[in-house]
Structures are given as C-alpha cells and as structure tokens.
Amino acid sequence: MSIFSYHLVKLSFISALRMMFLPIKSKQVNGLIYAETMSAMVLGSSVYSKSRFFNREIVVFAQWENEKYLDEFLQSNPKGKQIAKGWHIRLEYLRQWGKISGFQIPNHETELENENNPVVAVTIARMKYTQIPRFLRWGRPVEKQVRDDNGTTLSLASIRYPNIISTFSIWKTQKAMTDMVRGHSKTPQPKRHINAMKERDRKNFHFEFTTLRFRPLAEYGEWNDQKKYIQNQTEPI
C-alpha cells in the first residue's frame, strides 16, 4: 500500500534554488510514485510578500510505493539527506475531492471512526493563469481563516511557478476541520471558505484542483523549534 509524506526543510539560498530548479523526480528515485517540490509561504501573506516568490523553506509532498522506499531515499539519496535534516510527517490516505494528475490516488476511501482524531489536509491547484488575481482575492481570506483557527497545530501554503499553489494543515480533530469547511468554526467571518467554494463553482480558478485528507501516522524532526504537531491520536497507528 502506498504512503504519502510531507517534508519541510530550510536550506541555504543556493541549495534551495537548486532544489527548485532540479526538483525530485520519480524516474530518479526508486519507489517514488510522484512528488511536488515547492517553496513555502505564510498563509494569508501579502500578495507582494517575498515568500510568495521564493523562500529558502522548501516543501516536498510525495507519494511512495511503500515506507521502505521513503526510508531509503532519506538515508541514501543526496537530496533525501538534505530533506531529512528538516521535519516530515507520514500520511495514510483517507479521501479525495476533485482530481490531480501525477499522484496515483487510491480508489477506495476511508472514514475515521472517531471525529476527535487528528487529520491532515493537503490542497493542490494548477491555476489558470488569467484567474490567479481572482483566486488570490478569494483565497487569501480562506488562508487567514485556516491560519488563525485554533483547531490547527501547523498550517502553511506553498507555491511552484508558474502555476502550482498548495496548502497544508494539521488539525487537532477531524471535527475542527469539518466545522471550518462547513462554516461552523468560531473564527471571525466563518463563511469565508464556503463563499470561496461558491465562487469557484461559479467560475473555476483552476485547470486541476484537489483536496486530500489523510490520517497522520508519524512525524520526524523539528520545525520552527517544535515537535509533536500531531495531537489527540486515539486510533492505533
């Protein structure tokens, strides 16, 4: 069964630039099904923020044939050794909305038995170039909503030019995430996500878009001097 991983690492300027220009490719790594290499940015940051153009903080979101290949990559591959110096989380697929090419998303879907267990959400969009300004106008309020929600332990966005935009969030409970999606969260203006989805349905922003939900399996390393972003895990790993 395939496994997904999400990696965060801060590199030197030259190493980060090299990682972006020469990203990880499945043809070059045994057992790698697909990966996106991106530059991290703060959710809700200004349109003209430097991090929206380039950041030394690198994101890799990957799918592997199995966990053994992920371990081999981190221990033996030159790029893997660089990435291993940061933080990463291993993920079990639960369900998908929308579609995205590259990744081999399983056909089956799984529901957590306990809505108080933590979940991880990843969105990936391949933008229509002409729709990027409109997407930012509707998307930034949602970014801020996720960023400021007390139900998250870690949330960020990432970008890869010319047109890939992604978000990542770890939620303390599945209920906290679904409350946000349905407009029931306790944050100010809780309907921001719903309103943005209605606008997307009216006129799509993307060539491709997907939201993926995962069960967190394990995390390794530190990010921003912090460990243990997974909380409230009651189901067995």
C-alpha atoms as a PDB file:
ATOM      1  CA  MET A   1       0.000   0.000   0.000  1.00  0.00           C
ATOM      2  CA  SER A   2       1.353   3.417  -0.935  1.00  0.00           C
ATOM      3  CA  ILE A   3       2.257   6.022   1.657  1.00  0.00           C
ATOM      4  CA  PHE A   4       2.408   9.821   1.411  1.00  0.00           C
ATOM      5  CA  SER A   5       4.914  12.136   3.071  1.00  0.00           C
ATOM      6  CA  TYR A   6       5.096  15.889   3.582  1.00  0.00           C
ATOM      7  CA  HIS A   7       8.515  17.450   4.207  1.00  0.00           C
ATOM      8  CA  LEU A   8       9.658  20.885   5.410  1.00  0.00           C
ATOM      9  CA  VAL A   9      13.285  21.946   5.431  1.00  0.00           C
ATOM     10  CA  LYS A  10      15.151  25.246   5.473  1.00  0.00           C
ATOM     11  CA  LEU A  11      18.173  25.220   3.162  1.00  0.00           C
ATOM     12  CA  SER A  12      20.833  27.690   2.144  1.00  0.00           C
ATOM     13  CA  PHE A  13      19.799  30.064  -0.620  1.00  0.00           C
ATOM     14  CA  ILE A  14      21.829  28.184  -3.250  1.00  0.00           C
ATOM     15  CA  SER A  15      20.644  24.744  -2.111  1.00  0.00           C
ATOM     16  CA  ALA A  16      17.020  25.887  -2.061  1.00  0.00           C
ATOM     17  CA  LEU A  17      17.350  27.392  -5.522  1.00  0.00           C
ATOM     18  CA  ARG A  18      18.925  24.188  -6.813  1.00  0.00           C
ATOM     19  CA  MET A  19      16.147  22.109  -5.257  1.00  0.00           C
ATOM     20  CA  MET A  20      13.523  24.219  -7.017  1.00  0.00           C
ATOM     21  CA  PHE A  21      15.237  24.183 -10.414  1.00  0.00           C
ATOM     22  CA  LEU A  22      16.155  20.496 -10.166  1.00  0.00           C
ATOM     23  CA  PRO A  23      13.222  19.017  -8.234  1.00  0.00           C
ATOM     24  CA  ILE A  24      12.893  15.427  -7.120  1.00  0.00           C
ATOM     25  CA  LYS A  25      11.699  13.216  -9.985  1.00  0.00           C
ATOM     26  CA  SER A  26      10.160   9.765  -9.783  1.00  0.00           C
ATOM     27  CA  LYS A  27      12.399   8.491 -12.603  1.00  0.00           C
ATOM     28  CA  GLN A  28      15.446   9.258 -10.468  1.00  0.00           C
ATOM     29  CA  VAL A  29      14.253   7.781  -7.136  1.00  0.00           C
ATOM     30  CA  ASN A  30      13.355   4.147  -6.525  1.00  0.00           C
ATOM     31  CA  GLY A  31       9.829   3.652  -5.248  1.00  0.00           C
ATOM     32  CA  LEU A  32       8.773   7.279  -5.700  1.00  0.00           C
ATOM     33  CA  ILE A  33       5.400   7.490  -7.438  1.00  0.00           C
ATOM     34  CA  TYR A  34       5.273  11.295  -7.704  1.00  0.00           C
ATOM     35  CA  ALA A  35       6.450  14.396  -5.849  1.00  0.00           C
ATOM     36  CA  GLU A  36       5.880  18.131  -5.935  1.00  0.00           C
ATOM     37  CA  THR A  37       8.724  20.381  -4.769  1.00  0.00           C
ATOM     38  CA  MET A  38       7.601  23.851  -3.725  1.00  0.00           C
ATOM     39  CA  SER A  39       8.617  26.983  -1.851  1.00  0.00           C
ATOM     40  CA  ALA A  40       6.826  27.563   1.472  1.00  0.00           C
ATOM     41  CA  MET A  41       4.914  30.711   2.335  1.00  0.00           C
ATOM     42  CA  VAL A  42       2.809  32.001   5.207  1.00  0.00           C
ATOM     43  CA  LEU A  43      -0.927  31.531   4.808  1.00  0.00           C
ATOM     44  CA  GLY A  44      -2.628  34.843   4.147  1.00  0.00           C
ATOM     45  CA  SER A  45       0.611  36.701   3.427  1.00  0.00           C
ATOM     46  CA  SER A  46       0.583  39.812   1.271  1.00  0.00           C
ATOM     47  CA  VAL A  47       0.343  39.313  -2.481  1.00  0.00           C
ATOM     48  CA  TYR A  48       3.685  41.124  -2.703  1.00  0.00           C
ATOM     49  CA  SER A  49       5.318  39.201   0.145  1.00  0.00           C
ATOM     50  CA  LYS A  50       8.782  37.889  -0.695  1.00  0.00           C
ATOM     51  CA  SER A  51       7.732  34.378   0.342  1.00  0.00           C
ATOM     52  CA  ARG A  52       5.165  34.300  -2.455  1.00  0.00           C
ATOM     53  CA  PHE A  53       8.032  34.484  -4.925  1.00  0.00           C
ATOM     54  CA  PHE A  54      10.802  32.428  -3.311  1.00  0.00           C
ATOM     55  CA  ASN A  55      11.660  31.109   0.119  1.00  0.00           C
ATOM     56  CA  ARG A  56      14.558  29.066   1.464  1.00  0.00           C
ATOM     57  CA  GLU A  57      11.952  26.940   3.221  1.00  0.00           C
ATOM     58  CA  ILE A  58      11.309  24.039   0.866  1.00  0.00           C
ATOM     59  CA  VAL A  59       8.244  21.801   0.779  1.00  0.00           C
ATOM     60  CA  VAL A  60       8.184  18.321  -0.727  1.00  0.00           C
ATOM     61  CA  PHE A  61       4.895  16.434  -0.942  1.00  0.00           C
ATOM     62  CA  ALA A  62       5.431  12.884  -2.158  1.00  0.00           C
ATOM     63  CA  GLN A  63       3.772   9.523  -2.700  1.00  0.00           C
ATOM     64  CA  TRP A  64       5.762   6.301  -2.281  1.00  0.00           C
ATOM     65  CA  GLU A  65       5.150   2.675  -3.173  1.00  0.00           C
ATOM     66  CA  ASN A  66       5.849   1.832   0.457  1.00  0.00           C
ATOM     67  CA  GLU A  67       7.595   3.194   3.536  1.00  0.00           C
ATOM     68  CA  LYS A  68      10.811   1.278   2.857  1.00  0.00           C
ATOM     69  CA  TYR A  69      11.496   3.369  -0.247  1.00  0.00           C
ATOM     70  CA  LEU A  70      10.930   6.584   1.713  1.00  0.00           C
ATOM     71  CA  ASP A  71      13.456   5.465   4.345  1.00  0.00           C
ATOM     72  CA  GLU A  72      15.998   4.575   1.636  1.00  0.00           C
ATOM     73  CA  PHE A  73      15.561   7.974  -0.001  1.00  0.00           C
ATOM     74  CA  LEU A  74      16.109   9.889   3.229  1.00  0.00           C
ATOM     75  CA  GLN A  75      19.137   7.806   4.203  1.00  0.00           C
ATOM     76  CA  SER A  76      20.933   7.335   0.878  1.00  0.00           C
ATOM     77  CA  ASN A  77      19.849   9.858  -1.769  1.00  0.00           C
ATOM     78  CA  PRO A  78      21.801  13.198  -1.773  1.00  0.00           C
ATOM     79  CA  LYS A  79      18.583  15.237  -1.985  1.00  0.00           C
ATOM     80  CA  GLY A  80      16.945  12.943   0.515  1.00  0.00           C
ATOM     81  CA  LYS A  81      19.733  13.553   3.020  1.00  0.00           C
ATOM     82  CA  GLN A  82      19.205  17.302   2.652  1.00  0.00           C
ATOM     83  CA  ILE A  83      15.469  16.985   3.203  1.00  0.00           C
ATOM     84  CA  ALA A  84      15.968  14.626   6.158  1.00  0.00           C
ATOM     85  CA  LYS A  85      17.557  17.492   8.117  1.00  0.00           C
ATOM     86  CA  GLY A  86      14.141  19.107   8.429  1.00  0.00           C
ATOM     87  CA  TRP A  87      10.744  17.855   9.582  1.00  0.00           C
ATOM     88  CA  HIS A  88       8.368  15.453   7.916  1.00  0.00           C
ATOM     89  CA  ILE A  89       5.109  13.644   8.523  1.00  0.00           C
ATOM     90  CA  ARG A  90       3.981  10.300   7.098  1.00  0.00           C
ATOM     91  CA  LEU A  91       0.393  10.029   5.981  1.00  0.00           C
ATOM     92  CA  GLU A  92      -2.248   7.403   5.238  1.00  0.00           C
ATOM     93  CA  TYR A  93      -4.752   8.354   2.545  1.00  0.00           C
ATOM     94  CA  LEU A  94      -8.393   8.711   3.615  1.00  0.00           C
ATOM     95  CA  ARG A  95     -10.307  10.501   0.847  1.00  0.00           C
ATOM     96  CA  GLN A  96     -10.193  12.969  -2.037  1.00  0.00           C
ATOM     97  CA  TRP A  97     -12.305  15.736  -3.543  1.00  0.00           C
ATOM     98  CA  GLY A  98     -11.504  16.837  -7.075  1.00  0.00           C
ATOM     99  CA  LYS A  99      -8.684  15.374  -9.164  1.00  0.00           C
ATOM    100  CA  ILE A 100      -4.996  15.995  -9.783  1.00  0.00           C
ATOM    101  CA  SER A 101      -2.603  14.377 -12.241  1.00  0.00           C
ATOM    102  CA  GLY A 102       0.722  12.815 -11.291  1.00  0.00           C
ATOM    103  CA  PHE A 103      -0.247  11.230  -7.979  1.00  0.00           C
ATOM    104  CA  GLN A 104      -1.865   7.793  -8.018  1.00  0.00           C
ATOM    105  CA  ILE A 105      -4.769   8.385  -5.665  1.00  0.00           C
ATOM    106  CA  PRO A 106      -6.341   5.136  -4.390  1.00  0.00           C
ATOM    107  CA  ASN A 107      -9.878   4.337  -5.491  1.00  0.00           C
ATOM    108  CA  HIS A 108     -11.042   3.437  -2.000  1.00  0.00           C
ATOM    109  CA  GLU A 109     -11.987   5.956   0.669  1.00  0.00           C
ATOM    110  CA  THR A 110     -11.835   5.549   4.453  1.00  0.00           C
ATOM    111  CA  GLU A 111     -13.625   7.371   7.234  1.00  0.00           C
ATOM    112  CA  LEU A 112     -12.187   7.828  10.708  1.00  0.00           C
ATOM    113  CA  GLU A 113     -14.372   6.135  13.300  1.00  0.00           C
ATOM    114  CA  ASN A 114     -13.726   8.891  15.812  1.00  0.00           C
ATOM    115  CA  GLU A 115     -14.140  12.503  14.622  1.00  0.00           C
ATOM    116  CA  ASN A 116     -11.959  13.631  17.535  1.00  0.00           C
ATOM    117  CA  ASN A 117      -8.872  12.097  15.936  1.00  0.00           C
ATOM    118  CA  PRO A 118      -6.397  14.374  14.132  1.00  0.00           C
ATOM    119  CA  VAL A 119      -6.376  14.704  10.349  1.00  0.00           C
ATOM    120  CA  VAL A 120      -4.156  16.349   7.778  1.00  0.00           C
ATOM    121  CA  ALA A 121      -5.468  18.242   4.749  1.00  0.00           C
ATOM    122  CA  VAL A 122      -3.484  18.986   1.587  1.00  0.00           C
ATOM    123  CA  THR A 123      -4.824  21.018  -1.316  1.00  0.00           C
ATOM    124  CA  ILE A 124      -3.082  21.304  -4.683  1.00  0.00           C
ATOM    125  CA  ALA A 125      -4.179  23.571  -7.517  1.00  0.00           C
ATOM    126  CA  ARG A 126      -2.818  24.001 -11.009  1.00  0.00           C
ATOM    127  CA  MET A 127      -4.023  27.501 -11.715  1.00  0.00           C
ATOM    128  CA  LYS A 128      -5.455  29.070 -14.822  1.00  0.00           C
ATOM    129  CA  TYR A 129      -3.003  31.929 -15.380  1.00  0.00           C
ATOM    130  CA  THR A 130      -5.683  34.523 -16.045  1.00  0.00           C
ATOM    131  CA  GLN A 131      -7.525  33.531 -12.850  1.00  0.00           C
ATOM    132  CA  ILE A 132      -4.625  33.953 -10.410  1.00  0.00           C
ATOM    133  CA  PRO A 133      -5.557  37.550  -9.372  1.00  0.00           C
ATOM    134  CA  ARG A 134      -9.162  36.490  -8.809  1.00  0.00           C
ATOM    135  CA  PHE A 135      -8.044  33.380  -6.909  1.00  0.00           C
ATOM    136  CA  LEU A 136      -5.864  35.459  -4.599  1.00  0.00           C
ATOM    137  CA  ARG A 137      -8.741  37.841  -3.913  1.00  0.00           C
ATOM    138  CA  TRP A 138     -10.975  34.964  -2.777  1.00  0.00           C
ATOM    139  CA  GLY A 139      -8.288  32.609  -1.491  1.00  0.00           C
ATOM    140  CA  ARG A 140      -6.324  34.873   0.872  1.00  0.00           C
ATOM    141  CA  PRO A 141      -9.275  35.306   3.289  1.00  0.00           C
ATOM    142  CA  VAL A 142      -9.567  31.492   3.461  1.00  0.00           C
ATOM    143  CA  GLU A 143      -5.805  31.209   4.052  1.00  0.00           C
ATOM    144  CA  LYS A 144      -6.168  33.573   7.006  1.00  0.00           C
ATOM    145  CA  GLN A 145      -9.166  31.630   8.283  1.00  0.00           C
ATOM    146  CA  VAL A 146      -7.174  28.382   8.371  1.00  0.00           C
ATOM    147  CA  ARG A 147      -4.074  30.097   9.765  1.00  0.00           C
ATOM    148  CA  ASP A 148      -5.988  31.654  12.664  1.00  0.00           C
ATOM    149  CA  ASP A 149      -8.147  28.646  13.512  1.00  0.00           C
ATOM    150  CA  ASN A 150      -7.334  27.228  16.948  1.00  0.00           C
ATOM    151  CA  GLY A 151      -8.104  23.788  15.566  1.00  0.00           C
ATOM    152  CA  THR A 152      -4.838  23.668  13.621  1.00  0.00           C
ATOM    153  CA  THR A 153      -1.406  22.870  15.033  1.00  0.00           C
ATOM    154  CA  LEU A 154       0.511  23.642  11.818  1.00  0.00           C
ATOM    155  CA  SER A 155      -0.639  25.298   8.611  1.00  0.00           C
ATOM    156  CA  LEU A 156       1.136  26.829   5.632  1.00  0.00           C
ATOM    157  CA  ALA A 157       0.943  27.370   1.902  1.00  0.00           C
ATOM    158  CA  SER A 158       3.447  26.670  -0.837  1.00  0.00           C
ATOM    159  CA  ILE A 159       3.998  27.656  -4.439  1.00  0.00           C
ATOM    160  CA  ARG A 160       5.832  26.486  -7.512  1.00  0.00           C
ATOM    161  CA  TYR A 161       5.965  28.650 -10.582  1.00  0.00           C
ATOM    162  CA  PRO A 162       4.400  29.069 -12.946  1.00  0.00           C
ATOM    163  CA  ASN A 163       1.033  27.935 -11.588  1.00  0.00           C
ATOM    164  CA  ILE A 164       1.057  25.425  -8.692  1.00  0.00           C
ATOM    165  CA  ILE A 165      -0.380  26.578  -5.359  1.00  0.00           C
ATOM    166  CA  SER A 166      -0.844  24.257  -2.394  1.00  0.00           C
ATOM    167  CA  THR A 167      -1.890  24.348   1.260  1.00  0.00           C
ATOM    168  CA  PHE A 168      -1.143  22.030   4.173  1.00  0.00           C
ATOM    169  CA  SER A 169      -2.770  21.883   7.589  1.00  0.00           C
ATOM    170  CA  ILE A 170      -2.699  19.571  10.600  1.00  0.00           C
ATOM    171  CA  TRP A 171      -5.965  19.609  12.532  1.00  0.00           C
ATOM    172  CA  LYS A 172      -6.297  18.590  16.165  1.00  0.00           C
ATOM    173  CA  THR A 173      -9.536  16.801  15.292  1.00  0.00           C
ATOM    174  CA  GLN A 174     -11.459  15.939  12.167  1.00  0.00           C
ATOM    175  CA  LYS A 175     -14.445  17.783  13.643  1.00  0.00           C
ATOM    176  CA  ALA A 176     -12.454  21.031  13.854  1.00  0.00           C
ATOM    177  CA  MET A 177     -11.614  20.743  10.165  1.00  0.00           C
ATOM    178  CA  THR A 178     -15.143  19.915   9.029  1.00  0.00           C
ATOM    179  CA  ASP A 179     -16.547  22.734  11.183  1.00  0.00           C
ATOM    180  CA  MET A 180     -14.281  25.164   9.320  1.00  0.00           C
ATOM    181  CA  VAL A 181     -15.280  23.768   5.921  1.00  0.00           C
ATOM    182  CA  ARG A 182     -18.979  23.995   6.757  1.00  0.00           C
ATOM    183  CA  GLY A 183     -18.745  27.499   8.188  1.00  0.00           C
ATOM    184  CA  HIS A 184     -19.321  26.444  11.800  1.00  0.00           C
ATOM    185  CA  SER A 185     -15.946  27.412  13.240  1.00  0.00           C
ATOM    186  CA  LYS A 186     -15.624  30.070  15.931  1.00  0.00           C
ATOM    187  CA  THR A 187     -13.280  32.255  13.895  1.00  0.00           C
ATOM    188  CA  PRO A 188     -14.486  35.666  12.689  1.00  0.00           C
ATOM    189  CA  GLN A 189     -16.321  35.504   9.355  1.00  0.00           C
ATOM    190  CA  PRO A 190     -16.679  31.709   9.434  1.00  0.00           C
ATOM    191  CA  LYS A 191     -18.296  31.561   5.966  1.00  0.00           C
ATOM    192  CA  ARG A 192     -15.107  32.582   4.127  1.00  0.00           C
ATOM    193  CA  HIS A 193     -14.365  29.042   2.962  1.00  0.00           C
ATOM    194  CA  ILE A 194     -17.939  28.386   1.848  1.00  0.00           C
ATOM    195  CA  ASN A 195     -18.088  31.683  -0.029  1.00  0.00           C
ATOM    196  CA  ALA A 196     -14.830  30.944  -1.854  1.00  0.00           C
ATOM    197  CA  MET A 197     -16.101  27.490  -2.876  1.00  0.00           C
ATOM    198  CA  LYS A 198     -19.302  29.042  -4.256  1.00  0.00           C
ATOM    199  CA  GLU A 199     -17.210  31.479  -6.270  1.00  0.00           C
ATOM    200  CA  ARG A 200     -15.071  28.603  -7.577  1.00  0.00           C
ATOM    201  CA  ASP A 201     -18.223  26.742  -8.642  1.00  0.00           C
ATOM    202  CA  ARG A 202     -19.462  29.863 -10.416  1.00  0.00           C
ATOM    203  CA  LYS A 203     -16.236  30.203 -12.405  1.00  0.00           C
ATOM    204  CA  ASN A 204     -13.347  27.842 -11.836  1.00  0.00           C
ATOM    205  CA  PHE A 205      -9.920  29.188 -10.868  1.00  0.00           C
ATOM    206  CA  HIS A 206      -8.020  26.040 -11.833  1.00  0.00           C
ATOM    207  CA  PHE A 207      -7.098  23.584 -14.542  1.00  0.00           C
ATOM    208  CA  GLU A 208      -6.898  20.956 -11.805  1.00  0.00           C
ATOM    209  CA  PHE A 209      -7.703  21.065  -8.111  1.00  0.00           C
ATOM    210  CA  THR A 210      -7.881  18.529  -5.321  1.00  0.00           C
ATOM    211  CA  THR A 211      -8.296  18.372  -1.566  1.00  0.00           C
ATOM    212  CA  LEU A 212      -6.773  15.301   0.057  1.00  0.00           C
ATOM    213  CA  ARG A 213      -7.492  14.141   3.603  1.00  0.00           C
ATOM    214  CA  PHE A 214      -5.034  11.936   5.498  1.00  0.00           C
ATOM    215  CA  ARG A 215      -4.590  10.186   8.795  1.00  0.00           C
ATOM    216  CA  PRO A 216      -1.238  11.165  10.310  1.00  0.00           C
ATOM    217  CA  LEU A 217       0.958   8.146  11.010  1.00  0.00           C
ATOM    218  CA  ALA A 218       4.187   9.575  12.448  1.00  0.00           C
ATOM    219  CA  GLU A 219       6.298  12.718  12.409  1.00  0.00           C
ATOM    220  CA  TYR A 220      10.050  13.140  12.480  1.00  0.00           C
ATOM    221  CA  GLY A 221      12.378  16.030  13.237  1.00  0.00           C
ATOM    222  CA  GLU A 222      11.564  19.596  14.227  1.00  0.00           C
ATOM    223  CA  TRP A 223      10.028  22.597  12.508  1.00  0.00           C
ATOM    224  CA  ASN A 224      10.332  26.087  13.966  1.00  0.00           C
ATOM    225  CA  ASP A 225      11.878  24.540  17.090  1.00  0.00           C
ATOM    226  CA  GLN A 226       8.763  22.484  17.706  1.00  0.00           C
ATOM    227  CA  LYS A 227       7.924  18.772  17.727  1.00  0.00           C
ATOM    228  CA  LYS A 228       4.728  16.754  18.115  1.00  0.00           C
ATOM    229  CA  TYR A 229       2.290  18.586  15.882  1.00  0.00           C
ATOM    230  CA  ILE A 230       0.038  15.506  15.979  1.00  0.00           C
ATOM    231  CA  GLN A 231      -2.347  15.669  18.929  1.00  0.00           C
ATOM    232  CA  ASN A 232      -5.247  13.643  20.301  1.00  0.00           C
ATOM    233  CA  GLN A 233      -4.341  10.436  18.452  1.00  0.00           C
ATOM    234  CA  THR A 234      -6.669   7.738  19.855  1.00  0.00           C
ATOM    235  CA  GLU A 235      -6.919   5.275  16.972  1.00  0.00           C
ATOM    236  CA  PRO A 236      -3.964   2.854  16.668  1.00  0.00           C
ATOM    237  CA  ILE A 237      -1.244   3.755  14.159  1.00  0.00           C
END
